[in-house]
Amino acid sequence: MSNVLPSGQEVLRESLVLIGGAILAALILSQLPELRAWIANNTRGTGTTTAGGCNCDQLHG
């Protein structure tokens, strides 16, 4: 069973990598308002829950 479950040290390391990536992404987005606007334009107000901004029901319906 110990081969299946990661050790506490491995879980901690992966958690720190995940948190560090989220912080890095937030810093990048705070410095690039054009990128933030592009992401917002492609993910909001489309009537779908998927990223990319395609609402196929309206386009092909």
Protein backbone atom coordinates (compact mmCIF):
# COMPACT_ATOMS: atom_id res chain seq x y z
CA MET A 1 0.00 0.00 0.00
CA SER A 2 2.91 2.38 0.57
CA ASN A 3 3.72 2.19 -3.14
CA VAL A 4 0.29 3.58 -4.04
CA LEU A 5 0.04 6.49 -1.61
CA PRO A 6 2.58 9.32 -1.82
CA SER A 7 4.56 10.26 1.24
CA GLY A 8 3.82 13.42 3.18
CA GLN A 9 6.96 15.04 1.78
CA GLU A 10 5.83 14.36 -1.81
CA VAL A 11 2.37 15.79 -1.13
CA LEU A 12 3.91 18.90 0.43
CA ARG A 13 6.28 19.37 -2.51
CA GLU A 14 3.48 19.07 -5.08
CA SER A 15 1.31 21.45 -3.05
CA LEU A 16 4.06 24.06 -3.02
CA VAL A 17 4.55 23.68 -6.78
CA LEU A 18 0.81 24.18 -7.34
CA ILE A 19 0.62 27.23 -5.07
CA GLY A 20 3.77 28.70 -6.65
CA GLY A 21 2.29 28.27 -10.13
CA ALA A 22 -0.93 30.00 -9.10
CA ILE A 23 1.01 32.92 -7.61
CA LEU A 24 3.18 33.18 -10.73
CA ALA A 25 0.10 33.19 -12.97
CA ALA A 26 -1.51 35.91 -10.86
CA LEU A 27 1.64 38.04 -11.05
CA ILE A 28 1.86 37.64 -14.83
CA LEU A 29 -1.81 38.54 -15.29
CA SER A 30 -1.46 41.58 -13.05
CA GLN A 31 1.36 42.90 -15.24
CA LEU A 32 -0.31 42.21 -18.60
CA PRO A 33 -3.77 43.79 -18.76
CA GLU A 34 -4.07 42.94 -22.47
CA LEU A 35 -3.71 39.25 -21.69
CA ARG A 36 -6.25 39.54 -18.86
CA ALA A 37 -8.72 41.23 -21.23
CA TRP A 38 -8.14 38.59 -23.92
CA ILE A 39 -8.84 35.80 -21.43
CA ALA A 40 -11.97 37.57 -20.19
CA ASN A 41 -13.25 38.10 -23.73
CA ASN A 42 -12.77 34.44 -24.56
CA THR A 43 -14.34 32.95 -21.45
CA ARG A 44 -17.21 35.23 -20.34
CA GLY A 45 -20.64 35.94 -21.65
CA THR A 46 -20.79 33.10 -24.15
CA GLY A 47 -23.52 31.07 -22.47
CA THR A 48 -21.25 28.05 -22.17
CA THR A 49 -19.09 26.73 -19.39
CA THR A 50 -16.16 25.91 -21.66
CA ALA A 51 -13.22 28.19 -22.34
CA GLY A 52 -12.71 29.46 -25.84
CA GLY A 53 -15.83 31.52 -26.31
CA CYS A 54 -17.64 29.27 -28.79
CA ASN A 55 -21.38 28.94 -28.35
CA CYS A 56 -22.11 26.34 -31.00
CA ASP A 57 -25.87 26.41 -30.37
CA GLN A 58 -26.06 30.02 -31.51
CA LEU A 59 -23.59 29.61 -34.35
CA HIS A 60 -25.01 26.44 -35.88
CA GLY A 61 -28.59 26.48 -34.63
